[in-house]
Amino acid sequence: MNVKPSPCQLASTKTSIEDAIQTIEQTHSSYLLLIDEKEELSGILTKTDICNAIKFLKSDKSYFSRPAAMIMKKPVKSLPLELMHTAPEFMLQNDIEHVPITEYSKSTDSQNVIGVITSDSVFEFMVKLRGIPPIFGGETQATRRHTLGVLSGDGATFRLLHSVFKNSKYINVERLHFSGFDMAKDAGELDALILDIDEVQDRTWLPIIKSAVTQEKPENVFVVYTPEQHANAQNALKQLEIKGVLEIYTKPLDLTQLTVDLEKAWART
């Protein structure tokens, strides 16, 4: 696993909590390694430790002038350089988000910290390894923008999808309303249509779906609903479901599956 350790953020154990917070903020880091008088690694201070310490501020105004060593985690769980590839498993096993990586120095006969692997760096590595799908803003061969229309009674599904695809290079998410929606008129401008039918009466959404699966546009129709709210309509939905044209999703919405389905559908255009 070729995850690169981030540069070390070091400070003395005598550093005040207030100064430690300032260092973390200035370096845009999530941790601070603390070393003792012998310049040996003594502990680690994370944003979580700082958040836990805030509760003492109300009762003791001088609390943040005390040494950061008071709230650091110790002993520090670290990994030698030759085992750096096991960092994700090591972090999971020990329930930690920061792993100092050490390298043996013959001159000092000790393990020196050469960097830190964080949960963020592991996550970034995994994303880059998989590649960013075009639908999330990665490289794409698509030559035009696609319009994803969202019919949502309360707007929640629209807001969710808009936040997911706001950085996409070729997807435009458009809010639609059940009242006044005209399939023959409005669907011609859509490449895909998502219907969140919760809190909407059957006589409103059912004709739209029946019409959608028989038309050339939109190319893909997705229905999102809560089963408990539509127990009487589930058979009708299953009968209308046509793989490749109409896909049905139950809540909570599986965004991963939805994006995969969109990618497959739009990779051809």
C-alpha atoms as a PDB file:
ATOM      1  CA  MET A   1       0.000   0.000   0.000  1.00  0.00           C
ATOM      2  CA  ASN A   2       1.745   3.148  -1.229  1.00  0.00           C
ATOM      3  CA  VAL A   3       0.274   5.698   1.187  1.00  0.00           C
ATOM      4  CA  LYS A   4       2.667   8.538   1.811  1.00  0.00           C
ATOM      5  CA  PRO A   5       3.062   9.650   5.420  1.00  0.00           C
ATOM      6  CA  SER A   6       2.333  13.308   6.001  1.00  0.00           C
ATOM      7  CA  PRO A   7       5.083  15.523   7.477  1.00  0.00           C
ATOM      8  CA  CYS A   8       5.315  15.384  11.266  1.00  0.00           C
ATOM      9  CA  GLN A   9       3.814  18.112  13.419  1.00  0.00           C
ATOM     10  CA  LEU A  10       5.963  18.167  16.551  1.00  0.00           C
ATOM     11  CA  ALA A  11       5.841  20.138  19.799  1.00  0.00           C
ATOM     12  CA  SER A  12       7.158  19.855  23.336  1.00  0.00           C
ATOM     13  CA  THR A  13       5.068  18.190  26.009  1.00  0.00           C
ATOM     14  CA  LYS A  14       5.409  21.482  27.892  1.00  0.00           C
ATOM     15  CA  THR A  15       3.541  23.330  25.144  1.00  0.00           C
ATOM     16  CA  SER A  16       0.326  24.788  26.481  1.00  0.00           C
ATOM     17  CA  ILE A  17      -2.998  23.423  25.305  1.00  0.00           C
ATOM     18  CA  GLU A  18      -3.793  26.848  23.850  1.00  0.00           C
ATOM     19  CA  ASP A  19      -0.545  26.968  21.833  1.00  0.00           C
ATOM     20  CA  ALA A  20      -1.080  23.388  20.684  1.00  0.00           C
ATOM     21  CA  ILE A  21      -4.532  24.268  19.372  1.00  0.00           C
ATOM     22  CA  GLN A  22      -3.055  27.263  17.545  1.00  0.00           C
ATOM     23  CA  THR A  23      -0.354  25.091  15.947  1.00  0.00           C
ATOM     24  CA  ILE A  24      -2.897  22.538  14.746  1.00  0.00           C
ATOM     25  CA  GLU A  25      -5.036  25.319  13.308  1.00  0.00           C
ATOM     26  CA  GLN A  26      -2.129  27.073  11.557  1.00  0.00           C
ATOM     27  CA  THR A  27      -0.778  23.861  10.031  1.00  0.00           C
ATOM     28  CA  HIS A  28      -4.250  22.656   8.953  1.00  0.00           C
ATOM     29  CA  SER A  29      -3.504  19.381  10.667  1.00  0.00           C
ATOM     30  CA  SER A  30      -5.614  17.047  12.776  1.00  0.00           C
ATOM     31  CA  TYR A  31      -2.931  16.100  15.292  1.00  0.00           C
ATOM     32  CA  LEU A  32       0.236  17.168  17.087  1.00  0.00           C
ATOM     33  CA  LEU A  33       3.004  14.793  18.166  1.00  0.00           C
ATOM     34  CA  LEU A  34       4.482  15.675  21.554  1.00  0.00           C
ATOM     35  CA  ILE A  35       8.108  14.975  22.412  1.00  0.00           C
ATOM     36  CA  ASP A  36       9.753  15.004  25.831  1.00  0.00           C
ATOM     37  CA  GLU A  37      13.031  16.587  27.004  1.00  0.00           C
ATOM     38  CA  LYS A  38      14.995  13.709  25.468  1.00  0.00           C
ATOM     39  CA  GLU A  39      13.275  14.482  22.135  1.00  0.00           C
ATOM     40  CA  GLU A  40      11.571  11.124  22.244  1.00  0.00           C
ATOM     41  CA  LEU A  41       7.975  10.632  21.207  1.00  0.00           C
ATOM     42  CA  SER A  42       5.815  10.914  24.303  1.00  0.00           C
ATOM     43  CA  GLY A  43       2.243  11.196  23.062  1.00  0.00           C
ATOM     44  CA  ILE A  44      -0.146  12.492  20.451  1.00  0.00           C
ATOM     45  CA  LEU A  45      -2.739  15.254  20.706  1.00  0.00           C
ATOM     46  CA  THR A  46      -5.684  15.114  18.296  1.00  0.00           C
ATOM     47  CA  LYS A  47      -8.670  17.314  17.568  1.00  0.00           C
ATOM     48  CA  THR A  48     -10.798  14.765  19.399  1.00  0.00           C
ATOM     49  CA  ASP A  49      -8.691  15.238  22.541  1.00  0.00           C
ATOM     50  CA  ILE A  50      -9.142  18.984  22.251  1.00  0.00           C
ATOM     51  CA  CYS A  51     -12.915  18.685  21.858  1.00  0.00           C
ATOM     52  CA  ASN A  52     -13.051  16.502  24.964  1.00  0.00           C
ATOM     53  CA  ALA A  53     -11.052  19.105  26.878  1.00  0.00           C
ATOM     54  CA  ILE A  54     -13.359  21.987  26.038  1.00  0.00           C
ATOM     55  CA  LYS A  55     -15.836  20.890  28.711  1.00  0.00           C
ATOM     56  CA  PHE A  56     -13.333  22.017  31.382  1.00  0.00           C
ATOM     57  CA  LEU A  57     -13.214  25.578  30.048  1.00  0.00           C
ATOM     58  CA  LYS A  58     -16.382  26.700  31.841  1.00  0.00           C
ATOM     59  CA  SER A  59     -15.215  25.523  35.238  1.00  0.00           C
ATOM     60  CA  ASP A  60     -11.549  26.506  34.939  1.00  0.00           C
ATOM     61  CA  LYS A  61     -10.573  29.535  32.840  1.00  0.00           C
ATOM     62  CA  SER A  62      -6.868  28.749  33.231  1.00  0.00           C
ATOM     63  CA  TYR A  63      -7.230  25.204  31.919  1.00  0.00           C
ATOM     64  CA  PHE A  64      -5.911  25.972  28.432  1.00  0.00           C
ATOM     65  CA  SER A  65      -2.703  27.448  29.766  1.00  0.00           C
ATOM     66  CA  ARG A  66      -1.724  24.058  31.175  1.00  0.00           C
ATOM     67  CA  PRO A  67       0.666  21.651  29.369  1.00  0.00           C
ATOM     68  CA  ALA A  68      -0.772  19.791  26.396  1.00  0.00           C
ATOM     69  CA  ALA A  69       0.684  16.604  27.881  1.00  0.00           C
ATOM     70  CA  MET A  70      -2.263  16.613  30.287  1.00  0.00           C
ATOM     71  CA  ILE A  71      -4.696  15.633  27.546  1.00  0.00           C
ATOM     72  CA  MET A  72      -2.490  13.775  25.073  1.00  0.00           C
ATOM     73  CA  LYS A  73      -2.915  10.086  24.305  1.00  0.00           C
ATOM     74  CA  LYS A  74      -0.111   7.832  25.505  1.00  0.00           C
ATOM     75  CA  PRO A  75       1.587   5.594  24.839  1.00  0.00           C
ATOM     76  CA  VAL A  76       1.624   6.302  21.125  1.00  0.00           C
ATOM     77  CA  LYS A  77       0.824   3.365  18.852  1.00  0.00           C
ATOM     78  CA  SER A  78       3.275   3.479  15.931  1.00  0.00           C
ATOM     79  CA  LEU A  79       4.487   1.289  13.089  1.00  0.00           C
ATOM     80  CA  PRO A  80       7.994   0.688  11.737  1.00  0.00           C
ATOM     81  CA  LEU A  81       8.557   1.738   8.148  1.00  0.00           C
ATOM     82  CA  GLU A  82       8.700  -1.857   6.896  1.00  0.00           C
ATOM     83  CA  LEU A  83       5.148  -2.460   8.193  1.00  0.00           C
ATOM     84  CA  MET A  84       3.679   0.768   6.875  1.00  0.00           C
ATOM     85  CA  HIS A  85       1.549  -1.165   4.372  1.00  0.00           C
ATOM     86  CA  THR A  86      -0.448  -2.614   7.280  1.00  0.00           C
ATOM     87  CA  ALA A  87      -1.493   0.841   8.554  1.00  0.00           C
ATOM     88  CA  PRO A  88      -5.230   0.580   7.657  1.00  0.00           C
ATOM     89  CA  GLU A  89      -5.637  -2.728   9.489  1.00  0.00           C
ATOM     90  CA  PHE A  90      -3.527  -1.451  12.404  1.00  0.00           C
ATOM     91  CA  MET A  91      -5.684   1.676  12.719  1.00  0.00           C
ATOM     92  CA  LEU A  92      -8.895  -0.324  12.634  1.00  0.00           C
ATOM     93  CA  GLN A  93      -7.670  -2.870  15.158  1.00  0.00           C
ATOM     94  CA  ASN A  94      -6.547  -0.170  17.601  1.00  0.00           C
ATOM     95  CA  ASP A  95      -9.418   2.242  16.943  1.00  0.00           C
ATOM     96  CA  ILE A  96      -7.096   5.140  16.064  1.00  0.00           C
ATOM     97  CA  GLU A  97      -6.937   7.651  13.214  1.00  0.00           C
ATOM     98  CA  HIS A  98      -3.229   8.557  13.317  1.00  0.00           C
ATOM     99  CA  VAL A  99      -0.226   6.237  13.041  1.00  0.00           C
ATOM    100  CA  PRO A 100       3.324   7.606  13.375  1.00  0.00           C
ATOM    101  CA  ILE A 101       5.737   5.790  11.068  1.00  0.00           C
ATOM    102  CA  THR A 102       9.175   5.177  12.501  1.00  0.00           C
ATOM    103  CA  GLU A 103      12.554   4.255  11.040  1.00  0.00           C
ATOM    104  CA  TYR A 104      15.496   2.804  12.941  1.00  0.00           C
ATOM    105  CA  SER A 105      18.578   5.013  13.198  1.00  0.00           C
ATOM    106  CA  LYS A 106      21.898   3.308  13.824  1.00  0.00           C
ATOM    107  CA  SER A 107      23.539   6.538  14.924  1.00  0.00           C
ATOM    108  CA  THR A 108      21.068   7.070  17.763  1.00  0.00           C
ATOM    109  CA  ASP A 109      20.068   3.406  18.218  1.00  0.00           C
ATOM    110  CA  SER A 110      16.412   4.469  18.304  1.00  0.00           C
ATOM    111  CA  GLN A 111      13.274   4.637  16.219  1.00  0.00           C
ATOM    112  CA  ASN A 112      12.800   8.092  14.704  1.00  0.00           C
ATOM    113  CA  VAL A 113       9.428   9.334  13.544  1.00  0.00           C
ATOM    114  CA  ILE A 114       9.578  10.067   9.796  1.00  0.00           C
ATOM    115  CA  GLY A 115       5.905  10.778   9.171  1.00  0.00           C
ATOM    116  CA  VAL A 116       2.327  10.058  10.122  1.00  0.00           C
ATOM    117  CA  ILE A 117      -0.378   8.153   8.286  1.00  0.00           C
ATOM    118  CA  THR A 118      -3.878   9.429   8.988  1.00  0.00           C
ATOM    119  CA  SER A 119      -7.315   8.058   8.195  1.00  0.00           C
ATOM    120  CA  ASP A 120      -7.693  10.919   5.709  1.00  0.00           C
ATOM    121  CA  SER A 121      -4.542   9.870   3.821  1.00  0.00           C
ATOM    122  CA  VAL A 122      -5.775   6.262   3.635  1.00  0.00           C
ATOM    123  CA  PHE A 123      -9.149   7.455   2.352  1.00  0.00           C
ATOM    124  CA  GLU A 124      -7.490   9.686  -0.255  1.00  0.00           C
ATOM    125  CA  PHE A 125      -5.298   6.801  -1.401  1.00  0.00           C
ATOM    126  CA  MET A 126      -8.282   4.481  -1.822  1.00  0.00           C
ATOM    127  CA  VAL A 127     -10.203   7.078  -3.833  1.00  0.00           C
ATOM    128  CA  LYS A 128      -7.248   7.687  -6.140  1.00  0.00           C
ATOM    129  CA  LEU A 129      -6.684   3.942  -6.487  1.00  0.00           C
ATOM    130  CA  ARG A 130     -10.270   3.403  -7.611  1.00  0.00           C
ATOM    131  CA  GLY A 131     -10.345   6.552  -9.695  1.00  0.00           C
ATOM    132  CA  ILE A 132     -12.924   9.314  -9.397  1.00  0.00           C
ATOM    133  CA  PRO A 133     -15.973   8.448 -11.525  1.00  0.00           C
ATOM    134  CA  PRO A 134     -16.991  11.138 -14.030  1.00  0.00           C
ATOM    135  CA  ILE A 135     -20.292  11.500 -12.221  1.00  0.00           C
ATOM    136  CA  PHE A 136     -18.405  12.861  -9.199  1.00  0.00           C
ATOM    137  CA  GLY A 137     -16.306  15.259 -11.208  1.00  0.00           C
ATOM    138  CA  GLY A 138     -13.559  13.002 -12.565  1.00  0.00           C
ATOM    139  CA  GLU A 139     -12.385  12.727 -16.149  1.00  0.00           C
ATOM    140  CA  THR A 140     -15.052  11.834 -18.654  1.00  0.00           C
ATOM    141  CA  GLN A 141     -15.441  11.278 -22.372  1.00  0.00           C
ATOM    142  CA  ALA A 142     -18.925  12.748 -22.320  1.00  0.00           C
ATOM    143  CA  THR A 143     -19.323  15.651 -24.740  1.00  0.00           C
ATOM    144  CA  ARG A 144     -22.497  17.145 -23.295  1.00  0.00           C
ATOM    145  CA  ARG A 145     -24.116  17.854 -19.969  1.00  0.00           C
ATOM    146  CA  HIS A 146     -26.890  15.583 -18.803  1.00  0.00           C
ATOM    147  CA  THR A 147     -29.948  16.854 -17.002  1.00  0.00           C
ATOM    148  CA  LEU A 148     -31.239  14.908 -14.025  1.00  0.00           C
ATOM    149  CA  GLY A 149     -34.755  15.966 -13.086  1.00  0.00           C
ATOM    150  CA  VAL A 150     -35.949  15.337  -9.534  1.00  0.00           C
ATOM    151  CA  LEU A 151     -39.628  15.222  -8.596  1.00  0.00           C
ATOM    152  CA  SER A 152     -39.631  15.491  -4.823  1.00  0.00           C
ATOM    153  CA  GLY A 153     -42.563  16.493  -2.677  1.00  0.00           C
ATOM    154  CA  ASP A 154     -40.562  18.047   0.149  1.00  0.00           C
ATOM    155  CA  GLY A 155     -37.385  18.735  -1.830  1.00  0.00           C
ATOM    156  CA  ALA A 156     -35.194  16.559   0.415  1.00  0.00           C
ATOM    157  CA  THR A 157     -34.147  14.140  -2.329  1.00  0.00           C
ATOM    158  CA  PHE A 158     -33.365  17.040  -4.654  1.00  0.00           C
ATOM    159  CA  ARG A 159     -31.158  18.697  -2.041  1.00  0.00           C
ATOM    160  CA  LEU A 160     -29.365  15.403  -1.398  1.00  0.00           C
ATOM    161  CA  LEU A 161     -28.630  14.743  -5.072  1.00  0.00           C
ATOM    162  CA  HIS A 162     -27.725  18.349  -5.733  1.00  0.00           C
ATOM    163  CA  SER A 163     -25.117  18.228  -2.961  1.00  0.00           C
ATOM    164  CA  VAL A 164     -23.689  14.967  -4.355  1.00  0.00           C
ATOM    165  CA  PHE A 165     -23.434  16.119  -7.963  1.00  0.00           C
ATOM    166  CA  LYS A 166     -22.739  19.831  -7.518  1.00  0.00           C
ATOM    167  CA  ASN A 167     -19.102  19.372  -8.582  1.00  0.00           C
ATOM    168  CA  SER A 168     -19.889  17.079 -11.501  1.00  0.00           C
ATOM    169  CA  LYS A 169     -18.569  18.323 -14.804  1.00  0.00           C
ATOM    170  CA  TYR A 170     -21.475  17.087 -16.858  1.00  0.00           C
ATOM    171  CA  ILE A 171     -24.547  16.642 -14.677  1.00  0.00           C
ATOM    172  CA  ASN A 172     -27.144  19.285 -13.981  1.00  0.00           C
ATOM    173  CA  VAL A 173     -29.689  18.473 -11.245  1.00  0.00           C
ATOM    174  CA  GLU A 174     -33.002  20.245 -11.753  1.00  0.00           C
ATOM    175  CA  ARG A 175     -35.788  20.572  -9.168  1.00  0.00           C
ATOM    176  CA  LEU A 176     -39.242  19.653 -10.504  1.00  0.00           C
ATOM    177  CA  HIS A 177     -42.672  19.769  -8.874  1.00  0.00           C
ATOM    178  CA  PHE A 178     -45.468  17.220  -9.081  1.00  0.00           C
ATOM    179  CA  SER A 179     -47.993  20.014  -9.398  1.00  0.00           C
ATOM    180  CA  GLY A 180     -47.926  21.195 -12.956  1.00  0.00           C
ATOM    181  CA  PHE A 181     -45.454  18.570 -14.206  1.00  0.00           C
ATOM    182  CA  ASP A 182     -46.239  17.682 -17.806  1.00  0.00           C
ATOM    183  CA  MET A 183     -44.539  14.495 -18.991  1.00  0.00           C
ATOM    184  CA  ALA A 184     -45.045  15.207 -22.678  1.00  0.00           C
ATOM    185  CA  LYS A 185     -43.715  18.750 -22.339  1.00  0.00           C
ATOM    186  CA  ASP A 186     -41.092  18.571 -19.594  1.00  0.00           C
ATOM    187  CA  ALA A 187     -39.561  15.112 -20.060  1.00  0.00           C
ATOM    188  CA  GLY A 188     -38.113  15.958 -23.459  1.00  0.00           C
ATOM    189  CA  GLU A 189     -35.446  18.084 -21.778  1.00  0.00           C
ATOM    190  CA  LEU A 190     -34.457  15.360 -19.289  1.00  0.00           C
ATOM    191  CA  ASP A 191     -31.920  12.556 -19.607  1.00  0.00           C
ATOM    192  CA  ALA A 192     -33.105  10.928 -16.392  1.00  0.00           C
ATOM    193  CA  LEU A 193     -36.016  11.425 -14.029  1.00  0.00           C
ATOM    194  CA  ILE A 194     -36.086  10.625 -10.311  1.00  0.00           C
ATOM    195  CA  LEU A 195     -39.416  10.493  -8.492  1.00  0.00           C
ATOM    196  CA  ASP A 196     -39.527  10.592  -4.702  1.00  0.00           C
ATOM    197  CA  ILE A 197     -43.136   9.497  -4.231  1.00  0.00           C
ATOM    198  CA  ASP A 198     -43.288   9.727  -0.439  1.00  0.00           C
ATOM    199  CA  GLU A 199     -46.028  12.054   0.840  1.00  0.00           C
ATOM    200  CA  VAL A 200     -47.526  12.085  -2.677  1.00  0.00           C
ATOM    201  CA  GLN A 201     -50.842  10.448  -3.552  1.00  0.00           C
ATOM    202  CA  ASP A 202     -50.903   7.458  -5.898  1.00  0.00           C
ATOM    203  CA  ARG A 203     -53.153   9.215  -8.382  1.00  0.00           C
ATOM    204  CA  THR A 204     -50.449  11.874  -8.805  1.00  0.00           C
ATOM    205  CA  TRP A 205     -47.267   9.842  -9.278  1.00  0.00           C
ATOM    206  CA  LEU A 206     -48.598   6.619 -10.827  1.00  0.00           C
ATOM    207  CA  PRO A 207     -49.709   8.186 -14.150  1.00  0.00           C
ATOM    208  CA  ILE A 208     -46.321   9.898 -14.459  1.00  0.00           C
ATOM    209  CA  ILE A 209     -44.449   6.615 -14.087  1.00  0.00           C
ATOM    210  CA  LYS A 210     -46.746   4.789 -16.487  1.00  0.00           C
ATOM    211  CA  SER A 211     -46.172   7.499 -19.040  1.00  0.00           C
ATOM    212  CA  ALA A 212     -42.423   7.693 -18.441  1.00  0.00           C
ATOM    213  CA  VAL A 213     -41.716   4.030 -19.206  1.00  0.00           C
ATOM    214  CA  THR A 214     -43.442   4.268 -22.583  1.00  0.00           C
ATOM    215  CA  GLN A 215     -41.620   7.354 -23.868  1.00  0.00           C
ATOM    216  CA  GLU A 216     -38.256   7.752 -25.523  1.00  0.00           C
ATOM    217  CA  LYS A 217     -37.355  10.559 -23.142  1.00  0.00           C
ATOM    218  CA  PRO A 218     -36.212  10.462 -20.391  1.00  0.00           C
ATOM    219  CA  GLU A 219     -33.888   7.555 -21.032  1.00  0.00           C
ATOM    220  CA  ASN A 220     -33.909   6.439 -17.383  1.00  0.00           C
ATOM    221  CA  VAL A 221     -36.509   6.694 -14.637  1.00  0.00           C
ATOM    222  CA  PHE A 222     -35.786   6.096 -10.963  1.00  0.00           C
ATOM    223  CA  VAL A 223     -38.423   5.748  -8.253  1.00  0.00           C
ATOM    224  CA  VAL A 224     -37.501   6.346  -4.614  1.00  0.00           C
ATOM    225  CA  TYR A 225     -39.874   5.519  -1.791  1.00  0.00           C
ATOM    226  CA  THR A 226     -40.350   4.259   1.747  1.00  0.00           C
ATOM    227  CA  PRO A 227     -41.991   0.786   1.650  1.00  0.00           C
ATOM    228  CA  GLU A 228     -44.070   1.419   4.767  1.00  0.00           C
ATOM    229  CA  GLN A 229     -45.730   4.390   3.118  1.00  0.00           C
ATOM    230  CA  HIS A 230     -46.633   2.541  -0.069  1.00  0.00           C
ATOM    231  CA  ALA A 231     -47.537  -0.984   0.994  1.00  0.00           C
ATOM    232  CA  ASN A 232     -50.566  -0.977  -1.306  1.00  0.00           C
ATOM    233  CA  ALA A 233     -48.617   0.283  -4.301  1.00  0.00           C
ATOM    234  CA  GLN A 234     -45.586  -2.005  -4.212  1.00  0.00           C
ATOM    235  CA  ASN A 235     -47.139  -4.579  -6.554  1.00  0.00           C
ATOM    236  CA  ALA A 236     -47.929  -1.857  -9.075  1.00  0.00           C
ATOM    237  CA  LEU A 237     -44.349  -0.599  -8.895  1.00  0.00           C
ATOM    238  CA  LYS A 238     -42.880  -4.065  -9.381  1.00  0.00           C
ATOM    239  CA  GLN A 239     -45.077  -4.630 -12.418  1.00  0.00           C
ATOM    240  CA  LEU A 240     -43.885  -1.372 -13.927  1.00  0.00           C
ATOM    241  CA  GLU A 241     -40.200  -1.967 -13.170  1.00  0.00           C
ATOM    242  CA  ILE A 242     -38.194  -2.426 -16.346  1.00  0.00           C
ATOM    243  CA  LYS A 243     -34.467  -2.918 -15.899  1.00  0.00           C
ATOM    244  CA  GLY A 244     -32.578  -0.317 -17.874  1.00  0.00           C
ATOM    245  CA  VAL A 245     -35.566   2.008 -18.064  1.00  0.00           C
ATOM    246  CA  LEU A 246     -37.292   2.046 -14.686  1.00  0.00           C
ATOM    247  CA  GLU A 247     -35.305   1.298 -11.535  1.00  0.00           C
ATOM    248  CA  ILE A 248     -36.822   1.226  -8.041  1.00  0.00           C
ATOM    249  CA  TYR A 249     -34.957   2.174  -4.875  1.00  0.00           C
ATOM    250  CA  THR A 250     -36.188   1.999  -1.312  1.00  0.00           C
ATOM    251  CA  LYS A 251     -35.113   4.483   1.324  1.00  0.00           C
ATOM    252  CA  PRO A 252     -32.605   5.182   2.684  1.00  0.00           C
ATOM    253  CA  LEU A 253     -31.422   5.893  -0.847  1.00  0.00           C
ATOM    254  CA  ASP A 254     -28.390   3.856  -1.915  1.00  0.00           C
ATOM    255  CA  LEU A 255     -26.415   6.638  -3.589  1.00  0.00           C
ATOM    256  CA  THR A 256     -23.620   4.283  -4.600  1.00  0.00           C
ATOM    257  CA  GLN A 257     -25.981   2.056  -6.573  1.00  0.00           C
ATOM    258  CA  LEU A 258     -27.724   5.058  -8.093  1.00  0.00           C
ATOM    259  CA  THR A 259     -24.482   6.593  -9.321  1.00  0.00           C
ATOM    260  CA  VAL A 260     -23.345   3.242 -10.720  1.00  0.00           C
ATOM    261  CA  ASP A 261     -26.615   2.907 -12.628  1.00  0.00           C
ATOM    262  CA  LEU A 262     -26.299   6.435 -13.988  1.00  0.00           C
ATOM    263  CA  GLU A 263     -22.698   5.821 -14.994  1.00  0.00           C
ATOM    264  CA  LYS A 264     -23.670   2.682 -16.919  1.00  0.00           C
ATOM    265  CA  ALA A 265     -26.535   4.463 -18.642  1.00  0.00           C
ATOM    266  CA  TRP A 266     -24.582   7.572 -19.594  1.00  0.00           C
ATOM    267  CA  ALA A 267     -21.248   5.965 -20.435  1.00  0.00           C
ATOM    268  CA  ARG A 268     -22.724   5.241 -23.850  1.00  0.00           C
ATOM    269  CA  THR A 269     -23.524   8.902 -24.603  1.00  0.00           C
END
